[in-house]
Amino acid sequence: MNSEILARLLVLVCAGIAFLGLLIGFMVYQVNRKKGAVSMLLAVIFAAITGYYSYLLFFPTGVVTVVQQGNLQPSRIVSSS
């Protein structure tokens, strides 16, 4: 499989996990407010990180691009002395 397809599938899986984390956080919040608030906070942080990663992946800005290249040469270090 292409690495770009795998990266996009990973983003979708992470988005699903973030959504499930929010749902579980809401359910725990009804039972125990302190633990529910902590779990919702962690789920929101994970959702924000996933959202940023999906922004970088689905809307290429030139910063991050997934490119598959063959015959890569090691970089040569040239001294400037």
N, C-alpha and C. Protein backbone atom coordinates (compact mmCIF):
# COMPACT_ATOMS: atom_id res chain seq x y z
N MET A 1 0.83 -1.19 0.00
CA MET A 1 0.00 0.00 0.00
C MET A 1 0.87 1.25 0.00
N ASN A 2 0.31 2.27 -0.50
CA ASN A 2 1.00 3.55 -0.55
C ASN A 2 1.07 4.15 0.86
N SER A 3 2.18 4.79 1.18
CA SER A 3 2.34 5.35 2.52
C SER A 3 1.37 6.50 2.78
N GLU A 4 0.97 7.21 1.72
CA GLU A 4 0.01 8.31 1.90
C GLU A 4 -1.37 7.77 2.29
N ILE A 5 -1.76 6.65 1.72
CA ILE A 5 -3.04 6.04 2.07
C ILE A 5 -3.02 5.55 3.51
N LEU A 6 -1.90 4.95 3.91
CA LEU A 6 -1.78 4.47 5.29
C LEU A 6 -1.81 5.63 6.29
N ALA A 7 -1.19 6.74 5.94
CA ALA A 7 -1.20 7.90 6.83
C ALA A 7 -2.61 8.45 6.97
N ARG A 8 -3.36 8.49 5.87
CA ARG A 8 -4.74 8.98 5.94
C ARG A 8 -5.64 8.04 6.73
N LEU A 9 -5.41 6.72 6.59
CA LEU A 9 -6.17 5.76 7.39
C LEU A 9 -5.86 5.92 8.88
N LEU A 10 -4.60 6.19 9.19
CA LEU A 10 -4.22 6.40 10.59
C LEU A 10 -4.91 7.62 11.17
N VAL A 11 -5.03 8.68 10.39
CA VAL A 11 -5.73 9.88 10.85
C VAL A 11 -7.19 9.57 11.13
N LEU A 12 -7.82 8.81 10.25
CA LEU A 12 -9.23 8.48 10.46
C LEU A 12 -9.43 7.59 11.68
N VAL A 13 -8.51 6.65 11.90
CA VAL A 13 -8.59 5.80 13.09
C VAL A 13 -8.41 6.64 14.35
N CYS A 14 -7.46 7.56 14.33
CA CYS A 14 -7.24 8.43 15.50
C CYS A 14 -8.44 9.34 15.75
N ALA A 15 -9.09 9.81 14.69
CA ALA A 15 -10.29 10.63 14.86
C ALA A 15 -11.41 9.82 15.49
N GLY A 16 -11.55 8.57 15.09
CA GLY A 16 -12.55 7.70 15.72
C GLY A 16 -12.26 7.43 17.18
N ILE A 17 -10.99 7.24 17.51
CA ILE A 17 -10.61 7.03 18.91
C ILE A 17 -10.88 8.29 19.73
N ALA A 18 -10.62 9.45 19.16
CA ALA A 18 -10.89 10.71 19.86
C ALA A 18 -12.39 10.87 20.12
N PHE A 19 -13.21 10.54 19.13
CA PHE A 19 -14.66 10.62 19.30
C PHE A 19 -15.15 9.65 20.37
N LEU A 20 -14.64 8.42 20.35
CA LEU A 20 -15.01 7.45 21.39
C LEU A 20 -14.53 7.91 22.78
N GLY A 21 -13.37 8.52 22.84
CA GLY A 21 -12.87 9.03 24.11
C GLY A 21 -13.78 10.12 24.67
N LEU A 22 -14.28 10.99 23.81
CA LEU A 22 -15.23 12.02 24.27
C LEU A 22 -16.53 11.39 24.76
N LEU A 23 -17.03 10.41 24.04
CA LEU A 23 -18.27 9.75 24.47
C LEU A 23 -18.10 9.05 25.82
N ILE A 24 -17.00 8.36 25.98
CA ILE A 24 -16.74 7.68 27.26
C ILE A 24 -16.54 8.70 28.37
N GLY A 25 -15.89 9.81 28.05
CA GLY A 25 -15.72 10.87 29.05
C GLY A 25 -17.05 11.43 29.52
N PHE A 26 -17.99 11.62 28.59
CA PHE A 26 -19.32 12.11 28.99
C PHE A 26 -20.05 11.11 29.86
N MET A 27 -19.90 9.82 29.55
CA MET A 27 -20.57 8.79 30.36
C MET A 27 -19.95 8.71 31.76
N VAL A 28 -18.64 8.80 31.85
CA VAL A 28 -17.98 8.75 33.16
C VAL A 28 -18.31 10.00 33.96
N TYR A 29 -18.46 11.13 33.29
CA TYR A 29 -18.79 12.39 33.97
C TYR A 29 -20.13 12.30 34.70
N GLN A 30 -21.07 11.55 34.15
CA GLN A 30 -22.38 11.39 34.81
C GLN A 30 -22.26 10.57 36.09
N VAL A 31 -21.29 9.67 36.14
CA VAL A 31 -21.12 8.82 37.32
C VAL A 31 -20.20 9.49 38.34
N ASN A 32 -19.05 9.96 37.89
CA ASN A 32 -18.07 10.56 38.78
C ASN A 32 -17.53 11.82 38.10
N ARG A 33 -17.86 12.98 38.64
CA ARG A 33 -17.56 14.24 37.97
C ARG A 33 -16.06 14.51 37.83
N LYS A 34 -15.28 14.23 38.86
CA LYS A 34 -13.86 14.54 38.81
C LYS A 34 -13.14 13.68 37.77
N LYS A 35 -13.37 12.37 37.80
CA LYS A 35 -12.74 11.48 36.83
C LYS A 35 -13.26 11.75 35.42
N GLY A 36 -14.52 12.09 35.31
CA GLY A 36 -15.10 12.40 34.00
C GLY A 36 -14.50 13.65 33.40
N ALA A 37 -14.30 14.66 34.26
CA ALA A 37 -13.71 15.91 33.77
C ALA A 37 -12.28 15.68 33.29
N VAL A 38 -11.52 14.87 34.03
CA VAL A 38 -10.14 14.57 33.63
C VAL A 38 -10.13 13.78 32.32
N SER A 39 -11.02 12.81 32.19
CA SER A 39 -11.04 12.00 30.96
C SER A 39 -11.50 12.84 29.77
N MET A 40 -12.45 13.74 29.99
CA MET A 40 -12.87 14.61 28.89
C MET A 40 -11.74 15.58 28.49
N LEU A 41 -10.99 16.08 29.46
CA LEU A 41 -9.88 16.96 29.17
C LEU A 41 -8.82 16.23 28.33
N LEU A 42 -8.50 15.00 28.71
CA LEU A 42 -7.54 14.22 27.94
C LEU A 42 -8.06 13.92 26.54
N ALA A 43 -9.36 13.64 26.43
CA ALA A 43 -9.95 13.36 25.12
C ALA A 43 -9.94 14.59 24.23
N VAL A 44 -10.17 15.77 24.82
CA VAL A 44 -10.14 17.00 24.03
C VAL A 44 -8.71 17.30 23.57
N ILE A 45 -7.72 17.07 24.42
CA ILE A 45 -6.33 17.27 24.03
C ILE A 45 -5.96 16.33 22.89
N PHE A 46 -6.37 15.05 23.01
CA PHE A 46 -6.09 14.09 21.95
C PHE A 46 -6.80 14.46 20.66
N ALA A 47 -8.04 14.95 20.77
CA ALA A 47 -8.78 15.37 19.58
C ALA A 47 -8.12 16.57 18.92
N ALA A 48 -7.59 17.48 19.72
CA ALA A 48 -6.91 18.65 19.15
C ALA A 48 -5.64 18.25 18.42
N ILE A 49 -4.88 17.35 19.00
CA ILE A 49 -3.66 16.88 18.34
C ILE A 49 -4.01 16.13 17.05
N THR A 50 -5.05 15.31 17.10
CA THR A 50 -5.49 14.59 15.90
C THR A 50 -5.99 15.55 14.84
N GLY A 51 -6.71 16.58 15.25
CA GLY A 51 -7.18 17.58 14.30
C GLY A 51 -6.04 18.32 13.63
N TYR A 52 -5.02 18.66 14.40
CA TYR A 52 -3.87 19.35 13.82
C TYR A 52 -3.13 18.44 12.85
N TYR A 53 -2.97 17.17 13.22
CA TYR A 53 -2.31 16.21 12.34
C TYR A 53 -3.10 16.00 11.05
N SER A 54 -4.42 15.95 11.17
CA SER A 54 -5.24 15.79 9.97
C SER A 54 -5.18 17.05 9.10
N TYR A 55 -5.09 18.21 9.71
CA TYR A 55 -4.93 19.45 8.95
C TYR A 55 -3.63 19.42 8.16
N LEU A 56 -2.55 18.98 8.79
CA LEU A 56 -1.27 18.91 8.10
C LEU A 56 -1.29 17.88 6.98
N LEU A 57 -2.04 16.80 7.16
CA LEU A 57 -2.02 15.73 6.18
C LEU A 57 -2.98 15.98 5.03
N PHE A 58 -4.21 16.40 5.32
CA PHE A 58 -5.22 16.54 4.27
C PHE A 58 -5.13 17.87 3.52
N PHE A 59 -4.53 18.89 4.13
CA PHE A 59 -4.37 20.18 3.48
C PHE A 59 -2.89 20.50 3.39
N PRO A 60 -2.22 20.01 2.35
CA PRO A 60 -0.77 20.19 2.28
C PRO A 60 -0.38 21.67 2.18
N THR A 61 0.44 22.09 3.11
CA THR A 61 0.88 23.48 3.15
C THR A 61 2.33 23.62 2.74
N GLY A 62 2.94 22.54 2.32
CA GLY A 62 4.35 22.58 1.97
C GLY A 62 5.24 22.24 3.13
N VAL A 63 4.71 22.19 4.35
CA VAL A 63 5.51 21.87 5.52
C VAL A 63 5.72 20.37 5.61
N VAL A 64 4.64 19.61 5.48
CA VAL A 64 4.70 18.17 5.58
C VAL A 64 4.15 17.57 4.30
N THR A 65 4.94 16.80 3.62
CA THR A 65 4.46 16.07 2.45
C THR A 65 4.94 14.64 2.56
N VAL A 66 4.08 13.72 2.21
CA VAL A 66 4.41 12.31 2.25
C VAL A 66 4.85 11.93 0.84
N VAL A 67 6.13 11.63 0.72
CA VAL A 67 6.71 11.32 -0.59
C VAL A 67 7.45 10.00 -0.47
N GLN A 68 7.24 9.13 -1.45
CA GLN A 68 7.96 7.86 -1.48
C GLN A 68 8.99 7.95 -2.59
N GLN A 69 10.26 7.84 -2.23
CA GLN A 69 11.33 7.94 -3.20
C GLN A 69 12.21 6.71 -3.10
N GLY A 70 12.79 6.35 -4.20
CA GLY A 70 13.70 5.22 -4.21
C GLY A 70 15.12 5.69 -4.40
N ASN A 71 16.08 4.80 -4.13
CA ASN A 71 17.51 5.06 -4.31
C ASN A 71 17.96 6.31 -3.57
N LEU A 72 17.67 6.37 -2.29
CA LEU A 72 18.09 7.53 -1.50
C LEU A 72 19.58 7.45 -1.20
N GLN A 73 20.26 8.54 -1.36
CA GLN A 73 21.68 8.63 -1.09
C GLN A 73 21.88 9.28 0.27
N PRO A 74 22.84 8.80 1.06
CA PRO A 74 23.09 9.48 2.34
C PRO A 74 23.66 10.86 2.09
N SER A 75 23.30 11.78 2.97
CA SER A 75 23.78 13.15 2.79
C SER A 75 25.26 13.23 3.13
N ARG A 76 25.97 14.06 2.39
CA ARG A 76 27.40 14.23 2.61
C ARG A 76 27.63 15.49 3.42
N ILE A 77 28.48 15.35 4.43
CA ILE A 77 28.80 16.50 5.27
C ILE A 77 30.07 17.13 4.73
N VAL A 78 29.99 18.39 4.39
CA VAL A 78 31.13 19.11 3.84
C VAL A 78 31.62 20.09 4.88
N SER A 79 32.88 19.99 5.21
CA SER A 79 33.42 20.93 6.19
C SER A 79 33.72 22.25 5.52
N SER A 80 33.59 23.32 6.27
CA SER A 80 33.79 24.66 5.72
C SER A 80 35.09 25.29 6.22
N SER A 81 36.09 24.46 6.53
CA SER A 81 37.35 25.02 7.03
C SER A 81 38.38 25.17 5.96
